[in-house]
Structure formats: structure tokens, C-alpha cells
């Protein structure tokens, strides 16, 4: 079973920390009191992960897990 964390605050810093945990196999749940922040941060995070795949730094399978 993967380790789990809860990231409270999903702005610039929170999304960066979330990215690091996710890339290292953690299951990450996020919360932000400003609901409009979450979709924007997820979109940015998805773009960053796609760039990692393009650069050969990780596999698409890792991202989908």
C-alpha cells in the first residue's frame, strides 16, 4: 500500500511539493480553501508531468499510477 499525504494549500508551493511526493510514489490528496485554485494547479501539474515523460525522466505508466 502506498504512503499517503494530504497537501493543504495547492498554490505554487503546495503544487510543487505535491509534484515531488507524487513522483516518489506517494498517494497525494489535496485541499485548498479556494476551490478555483485546484483545477488550475492540476492543469499545471499535468503539464509538468508530461514534460518529464518527453524528456525521459519518467514513464507515462508512473504518471498514471
N, C-alpha and C. Protein backbone atom coordinates (compact mmCIF):
# COMPACT_ATOMS: atom_id res chain seq x y z
N UNK A 1 0.85 -1.17 0.00
CA UNK A 1 0.00 0.00 0.00
C UNK A 1 0.90 1.24 0.00
N UNK A 2 0.60 2.21 -0.88
CA UNK A 2 1.45 3.41 -0.95
C UNK A 2 1.27 4.31 0.27
N UNK A 3 2.30 5.04 0.58
CA UNK A 3 2.21 6.06 1.62
C UNK A 3 1.27 7.16 1.12
N UNK A 4 0.54 7.78 2.03
CA UNK A 4 -0.40 8.84 1.65
C UNK A 4 -0.08 10.12 2.40
N UNK A 5 -0.28 11.23 1.71
CA UNK A 5 -0.15 12.53 2.37
C UNK A 5 -1.35 13.39 1.97
N UNK A 6 -1.60 14.39 2.78
CA UNK A 6 -2.63 15.40 2.47
C UNK A 6 -1.91 16.73 2.36
N UNK A 7 -2.01 17.36 1.21
CA UNK A 7 -1.42 18.67 1.00
C UNK A 7 -2.51 19.71 1.21
N UNK A 8 -2.34 20.53 2.21
CA UNK A 8 -3.29 21.60 2.50
C UNK A 8 -2.70 22.88 1.93
N UNK A 9 -3.36 23.41 0.93
CA UNK A 9 -2.85 24.57 0.19
C UNK A 9 -2.24 24.08 -1.11
N UNK A 10 -2.84 24.41 -2.22
CA UNK A 10 -2.43 23.86 -3.52
C UNK A 10 -2.05 24.96 -4.48
N UNK A 11 -1.47 26.04 -3.93
CA UNK A 11 -0.98 27.12 -4.78
C UNK A 11 0.37 26.74 -5.37
N UNK A 12 1.20 27.72 -5.63
CA UNK A 12 2.50 27.49 -6.25
C UNK A 12 3.37 26.54 -5.43
N UNK A 13 3.52 26.83 -4.16
CA UNK A 13 4.37 26.00 -3.32
C UNK A 13 3.76 24.62 -3.06
N UNK A 14 2.47 24.59 -2.76
CA UNK A 14 1.81 23.32 -2.49
C UNK A 14 1.81 22.39 -3.69
N UNK A 15 1.61 22.94 -4.88
CA UNK A 15 1.62 22.08 -6.08
C UNK A 15 3.02 21.56 -6.36
N UNK A 16 4.03 22.36 -6.07
CA UNK A 16 5.41 21.89 -6.25
C UNK A 16 5.76 20.76 -5.29
N UNK A 17 5.36 20.90 -4.05
CA UNK A 17 5.59 19.85 -3.05
C UNK A 17 4.81 18.60 -3.43
N UNK A 18 3.58 18.78 -3.88
CA UNK A 18 2.76 17.66 -4.32
C UNK A 18 3.43 16.91 -5.46
N UNK A 19 3.99 17.64 -6.40
CA UNK A 19 4.68 17.04 -7.55
C UNK A 19 5.82 16.14 -7.07
N UNK A 20 6.61 16.62 -6.13
CA UNK A 20 7.74 15.85 -5.62
C UNK A 20 7.26 14.57 -4.94
N UNK A 21 6.25 14.68 -4.09
CA UNK A 21 5.74 13.49 -3.43
C UNK A 21 5.16 12.49 -4.43
N UNK A 22 4.38 12.98 -5.39
CA UNK A 22 3.77 12.10 -6.39
C UNK A 22 4.83 11.39 -7.22
N UNK A 23 5.88 12.10 -7.59
CA UNK A 23 6.95 11.49 -8.39
C UNK A 23 7.72 10.43 -7.60
N UNK A 24 7.60 10.46 -6.29
CA UNK A 24 8.29 9.48 -5.46
C UNK A 24 7.35 8.41 -4.91
N UNK A 25 6.21 8.25 -5.56
CA UNK A 25 5.33 7.13 -5.28
C UNK A 25 4.30 7.33 -4.18
N UNK A 26 4.16 8.54 -3.67
CA UNK A 26 3.17 8.79 -2.64
C UNK A 26 1.80 9.03 -3.26
N UNK A 27 0.76 8.61 -2.57
CA UNK A 27 -0.60 8.96 -2.96
C UNK A 27 -0.88 10.30 -2.30
N UNK A 28 -1.26 11.30 -3.10
CA UNK A 28 -1.41 12.65 -2.58
C UNK A 28 -2.85 13.11 -2.73
N UNK A 29 -3.44 13.54 -1.64
CA UNK A 29 -4.74 14.20 -1.65
C UNK A 29 -4.49 15.68 -1.41
N UNK A 30 -5.26 16.52 -2.06
CA UNK A 30 -5.04 17.96 -1.92
C UNK A 30 -6.31 18.66 -1.43
N UNK A 31 -6.09 19.75 -0.72
CA UNK A 31 -7.19 20.59 -0.25
C UNK A 31 -6.73 22.03 -0.34
N UNK A 32 -7.61 22.87 -0.80
CA UNK A 32 -7.37 24.31 -0.78
C UNK A 32 -8.72 24.98 -0.52
N UNK A 33 -8.72 25.94 0.37
CA UNK A 33 -9.99 26.60 0.70
C UNK A 33 -10.55 27.39 -0.48
N UNK A 34 -9.69 27.74 -1.43
CA UNK A 34 -10.12 28.44 -2.64
C UNK A 34 -10.28 27.39 -3.74
N UNK A 35 -11.48 26.94 -3.97
CA UNK A 35 -11.76 25.83 -4.89
C UNK A 35 -11.27 26.08 -6.32
N UNK A 36 -11.20 27.33 -6.74
CA UNK A 36 -10.78 27.61 -8.11
C UNK A 36 -9.29 27.37 -8.32
N UNK A 37 -8.52 27.24 -7.25
CA UNK A 37 -7.08 27.01 -7.35
C UNK A 37 -6.79 25.58 -7.82
N UNK A 38 -7.60 24.63 -7.39
CA UNK A 38 -7.32 23.22 -7.65
C UNK A 38 -7.29 22.87 -9.13
N UNK A 39 -8.29 23.23 -9.94
CA UNK A 39 -8.21 22.89 -11.37
C UNK A 39 -7.00 23.51 -12.07
N UNK A 40 -6.68 24.75 -11.73
CA UNK A 40 -5.51 25.40 -12.36
C UNK A 40 -4.21 24.70 -11.97
N UNK A 41 -4.08 24.35 -10.70
CA UNK A 41 -2.86 23.69 -10.24
C UNK A 41 -2.74 22.29 -10.84
N UNK A 42 -3.85 21.57 -10.94
CA UNK A 42 -3.82 20.24 -11.55
C UNK A 42 -3.42 20.31 -13.02
N UNK A 43 -3.91 21.33 -13.72
CA UNK A 43 -3.53 21.50 -15.12
C UNK A 43 -2.03 21.76 -15.25
N UNK A 44 -1.50 22.62 -14.40
CA UNK A 44 -0.07 22.92 -14.42
C UNK A 44 0.75 21.69 -14.05
N UNK A 45 0.29 20.94 -13.06
CA UNK A 45 0.98 19.73 -12.64
C UNK A 45 0.98 18.70 -13.77
N UNK A 46 -0.14 18.56 -14.44
CA UNK A 46 -0.21 17.63 -15.58
C UNK A 46 0.75 18.02 -16.68
N UNK A 47 0.86 19.31 -16.95
CA UNK A 47 1.81 19.78 -17.97
C UNK A 47 3.25 19.48 -17.58
N UNK A 48 3.56 19.65 -16.30
CA UNK A 48 4.92 19.37 -15.83
C UNK A 48 5.23 17.88 -15.97
N UNK A 49 4.27 17.03 -15.62
CA UNK A 49 4.50 15.59 -15.71
C UNK A 49 4.65 15.14 -17.16
N UNK A 50 3.89 15.73 -18.07
CA UNK A 50 4.05 15.41 -19.50
C UNK A 50 5.45 15.79 -19.97
N UNK A 51 5.94 16.93 -19.51
CA UNK A 51 7.31 17.33 -19.88
C UNK A 51 8.34 16.35 -19.35
N UNK A 52 8.12 15.79 -18.17
CA UNK A 52 9.05 14.79 -17.63
C UNK A 52 9.08 13.55 -18.53
N UNK A 53 7.92 13.14 -19.03
CA UNK A 53 7.86 11.98 -19.92
C UNK A 53 8.60 12.30 -21.22
N UNK A 54 8.36 13.47 -21.79
CA UNK A 54 9.03 13.86 -23.04
C UNK A 54 10.54 13.89 -22.91
N UNK A 55 11.01 14.30 -21.74
CA UNK A 55 12.45 14.39 -21.51
C UNK A 55 13.05 13.08 -21.04
N UNK A 56 12.21 12.05 -20.90
CA UNK A 56 12.69 10.73 -20.49
C UNK A 56 13.00 10.61 -19.01
N UNK A 57 12.47 11.51 -18.19
CA UNK A 57 12.75 11.48 -16.76
C UNK A 57 11.83 10.54 -16.00
N UNK A 58 10.71 10.17 -16.62
CA UNK A 58 9.81 9.18 -16.03
C UNK A 58 8.94 8.60 -17.14
N UNK A 59 8.18 7.59 -16.80
CA UNK A 59 7.34 6.93 -17.81
C UNK A 59 5.89 7.36 -17.64
N UNK A 60 5.16 7.23 -18.70
CA UNK A 60 3.72 7.53 -18.64
C UNK A 60 3.02 6.60 -17.64
N UNK A 61 3.49 5.37 -17.52
CA UNK A 61 2.90 4.42 -16.58
C UNK A 61 3.04 4.94 -15.15
N UNK A 62 4.17 5.52 -14.81
CA UNK A 62 4.37 6.07 -13.47
C UNK A 62 3.37 7.20 -13.22
N UNK A 63 3.16 8.05 -14.20
CA UNK A 63 2.25 9.18 -14.05
C UNK A 63 0.82 8.70 -13.87
N UNK A 64 0.43 7.65 -14.58
CA UNK A 64 -0.95 7.17 -14.50
C UNK A 64 -1.24 6.42 -13.21
N UNK A 65 -0.21 6.01 -12.52
CA UNK A 65 -0.44 5.23 -11.28
C UNK A 65 -0.76 6.11 -10.10
